[in-house]
Amino acid sequence: MFQAIAEWQTEHGGKYLVQLCKHFAHKLEVTYSETHGECRFSCGTAVLDADPKGLKILAMAVDQEQLAETESVIERHLVRFAFRENLEALQWQAQDRV
């Protein structure tokens, strides 16, 4: 399993977590609360955790190509939803393979 983590400092992490999860819930399996969410895409899984400091996203997939797709789906939507905060891109950090 390939993994990457992105962390974004914002006062509105919980708001964006809920917004992302509600959006994706129309098309795929999603579970979420105000501080934790999981989105299961066909290409991989995104685990989101929010706290007062920001939003942390863990992307997981079976290969590097699907991991990149999972990162891209989350990032494109988050950038669009957070347009007021001028978020342009997330800085993904590869994690050790599991």
C-alpha atoms as a PDB file:
ATOM      1  CA  MET A   1       0.000   0.000   0.000  1.00  0.00           C
ATOM      2  CA  PHE A   2       1.336   3.421  -0.973  1.00  0.00           C
ATOM      3  CA  GLN A   3       0.619   6.417   1.242  1.00  0.00           C
ATOM      4  CA  ALA A   4       1.106  10.182   1.238  1.00  0.00           C
ATOM      5  CA  ILE A   5       0.180  12.860   3.776  1.00  0.00           C
ATOM      6  CA  ALA A   6      -0.686  16.512   3.269  1.00  0.00           C
ATOM      7  CA  GLU A   7      -1.298  19.014   6.036  1.00  0.00           C
ATOM      8  CA  TRP A   8      -2.941  22.392   5.527  1.00  0.00           C
ATOM      9  CA  GLN A   9      -3.082  25.041   8.214  1.00  0.00           C
ATOM     10  CA  THR A  10      -6.480  26.700   8.290  1.00  0.00           C
ATOM     11  CA  GLU A  11      -8.951  27.716  10.969  1.00  0.00           C
ATOM     12  CA  HIS A  12     -11.683  26.034   8.919  1.00  0.00           C
ATOM     13  CA  GLY A  13     -10.407  22.453   8.666  1.00  0.00           C
ATOM     14  CA  GLY A  14     -13.620  20.945  10.029  1.00  0.00           C
ATOM     15  CA  LYS A  15     -15.745  22.951   7.611  1.00  0.00           C
ATOM     16  CA  TYR A  16     -13.766  21.725   4.600  1.00  0.00           C
ATOM     17  CA  LEU A  17     -13.692  18.142   5.872  1.00  0.00           C
ATOM     18  CA  VAL A  18     -17.493  18.075   6.096  1.00  0.00           C
ATOM     19  CA  GLN A  19     -17.901  19.848   2.765  1.00  0.00           C
ATOM     20  CA  LEU A  20     -15.621  17.368   0.974  1.00  0.00           C
ATOM     21  CA  CYS A  21     -17.252  14.342   2.565  1.00  0.00           C
ATOM     22  CA  LYS A  22     -20.791  15.536   1.819  1.00  0.00           C
ATOM     23  CA  HIS A  23     -19.814  16.210  -1.778  1.00  0.00           C
ATOM     24  CA  PHE A  24     -18.251  12.783  -2.309  1.00  0.00           C
ATOM     25  CA  ALA A  25     -21.042  10.963  -0.441  1.00  0.00           C
ATOM     26  CA  HIS A  26     -23.291  11.463  -3.462  1.00  0.00           C
ATOM     27  CA  LYS A  27     -21.145   9.070  -5.496  1.00  0.00           C
ATOM     28  CA  LEU A  28     -19.136   6.812  -3.195  1.00  0.00           C
ATOM     29  CA  GLU A  29     -18.788   5.308   0.265  1.00  0.00           C
ATOM     30  CA  VAL A  30     -18.025   8.008   2.824  1.00  0.00           C
ATOM     31  CA  THR A  31     -18.087   8.142   6.612  1.00  0.00           C
ATOM     32  CA  TYR A  32     -17.472  11.348   8.536  1.00  0.00           C
ATOM     33  CA  SER A  33     -17.924  13.449  11.630  1.00  0.00           C
ATOM     34  CA  GLU A  34     -16.901  17.045  12.317  1.00  0.00           C
ATOM     35  CA  THR A  35     -13.274  15.988  12.874  1.00  0.00           C
ATOM     36  CA  HIS A  36     -12.714  12.735  10.951  1.00  0.00           C
ATOM     37  CA  GLY A  37     -13.718  11.493   7.520  1.00  0.00           C
ATOM     38  CA  GLU A  38     -12.968   8.613   5.169  1.00  0.00           C
ATOM     39  CA  CYS A  39     -13.667   8.646   1.425  1.00  0.00           C
ATOM     40  CA  ARG A  40     -13.290   5.387  -0.484  1.00  0.00           C
ATOM     41  CA  PHE A  41     -12.633   6.113  -4.143  1.00  0.00           C
ATOM     42  CA  SER A  42     -12.128   3.455  -6.811  1.00  0.00           C
ATOM     43  CA  CYS A  43      -8.483   4.575  -6.978  1.00  0.00           C
ATOM     44  CA  GLY A  44      -7.798   4.663  -3.229  1.00  0.00           C
ATOM     45  CA  THR A  45      -8.871   5.986   0.150  1.00  0.00           C
ATOM     46  CA  ALA A  46      -8.536   9.422   1.703  1.00  0.00           C
ATOM     47  CA  VAL A  47      -8.611   9.824   5.483  1.00  0.00           C
ATOM     48  CA  LEU A  48      -9.202  13.375   6.682  1.00  0.00           C
ATOM     49  CA  ASP A  49      -8.656  14.691  10.201  1.00  0.00           C
ATOM     50  CA  ALA A  50      -9.445  18.238  11.292  1.00  0.00           C
ATOM     51  CA  ASP A  51      -8.482  20.127  14.422  1.00  0.00           C
ATOM     52  CA  PRO A  52      -8.352  23.841  15.341  1.00  0.00           C
ATOM     53  CA  LYS A  53      -4.993  24.149  13.544  1.00  0.00           C
ATOM     54  CA  GLY A  54      -6.016  22.702  10.205  1.00  0.00           C
ATOM     55  CA  LEU A  55      -6.700  19.685   8.054  1.00  0.00           C
ATOM     56  CA  LYS A  56      -4.548  16.572   7.685  1.00  0.00           C
ATOM     57  CA  ILE A  57      -5.155  14.234   4.743  1.00  0.00           C
ATOM     58  CA  LEU A  58      -3.786  10.711   4.358  1.00  0.00           C
ATOM     59  CA  ALA A  59      -4.124   9.255   0.857  1.00  0.00           C
ATOM     60  CA  MET A  60      -3.694   5.491   0.370  1.00  0.00           C
ATOM     61  CA  ALA A  61      -3.701   3.307  -2.742  1.00  0.00           C
ATOM     62  CA  VAL A  62      -2.358  -0.004  -4.044  1.00  0.00           C
ATOM     63  CA  ASP A  63       0.115   1.583  -6.475  1.00  0.00           C
ATOM     64  CA  GLN A  64       1.789   4.908  -7.191  1.00  0.00           C
ATOM     65  CA  GLU A  65      -0.494   5.755 -10.130  1.00  0.00           C
ATOM     66  CA  GLN A  66      -3.675   5.293  -8.101  1.00  0.00           C
ATOM     67  CA  LEU A  67      -2.138   7.185  -5.174  1.00  0.00           C
ATOM     68  CA  ALA A  68      -1.480  10.152  -7.464  1.00  0.00           C
ATOM     69  CA  GLU A  69      -5.080   9.982  -8.690  1.00  0.00           C
ATOM     70  CA  THR A  70      -6.423   9.878  -5.107  1.00  0.00           C
ATOM     71  CA  GLU A  71      -4.278  12.887  -4.162  1.00  0.00           C
ATOM     72  CA  SER A  72      -5.445  14.737  -7.258  1.00  0.00           C
ATOM     73  CA  VAL A  73      -9.157  14.151  -6.632  1.00  0.00           C
ATOM     74  CA  ILE A  74      -8.944  15.419  -3.047  1.00  0.00           C
ATOM     75  CA  GLU A  75      -6.699  18.346  -3.922  1.00  0.00           C
ATOM     76  CA  ARG A  76      -8.758  19.572  -6.900  1.00  0.00           C
ATOM     77  CA  HIS A  77     -11.925  19.624  -4.844  1.00  0.00           C
ATOM     78  CA  LEU A  78     -10.325  21.186  -1.779  1.00  0.00           C
ATOM     79  CA  VAL A  79      -8.705  23.957  -3.857  1.00  0.00           C
ATOM     80  CA  ARG A  80     -12.092  24.680  -5.430  1.00  0.00           C
ATOM     81  CA  PHE A  81     -13.957  24.676  -2.090  1.00  0.00           C
ATOM     82  CA  ALA A  82     -11.305  26.798  -0.327  1.00  0.00           C
ATOM     83  CA  PHE A  83     -11.074  29.487  -3.015  1.00  0.00           C
ATOM     84  CA  ARG A  84     -11.519  32.234  -0.407  1.00  0.00           C
ATOM     85  CA  GLU A  85      -8.302  31.115   1.285  1.00  0.00           C
ATOM     86  CA  ASN A  86      -6.289  31.121  -1.947  1.00  0.00           C
ATOM     87  CA  LEU A  87      -5.152  27.520  -1.528  1.00  0.00           C
ATOM     88  CA  GLU A  88      -3.268  26.653  -4.708  1.00  0.00           C
ATOM     89  CA  ALA A  89      -1.833  23.213  -3.963  1.00  0.00           C
ATOM     90  CA  LEU A  90      -1.143  20.757  -1.171  1.00  0.00           C
ATOM     91  CA  GLN A  91       2.351  19.586  -0.326  1.00  0.00           C
ATOM     92  CA  TRP A  92       2.128  15.779  -0.332  1.00  0.00           C
ATOM     93  CA  GLN A  93       4.770  13.837   1.584  1.00  0.00           C
ATOM     94  CA  ALA A  94       5.265  10.186   0.659  1.00  0.00           C
ATOM     95  CA  GLN A  95       5.097   7.777   3.590  1.00  0.00           C
ATOM     96  CA  ASP A  96       6.770   4.412   3.992  1.00  0.00           C
ATOM     97  CA  ARG A  97       4.932   1.653   2.177  1.00  0.00           C
ATOM     98  CA  VAL A  98       2.664  -0.453   4.348  1.00  0.00           C
END
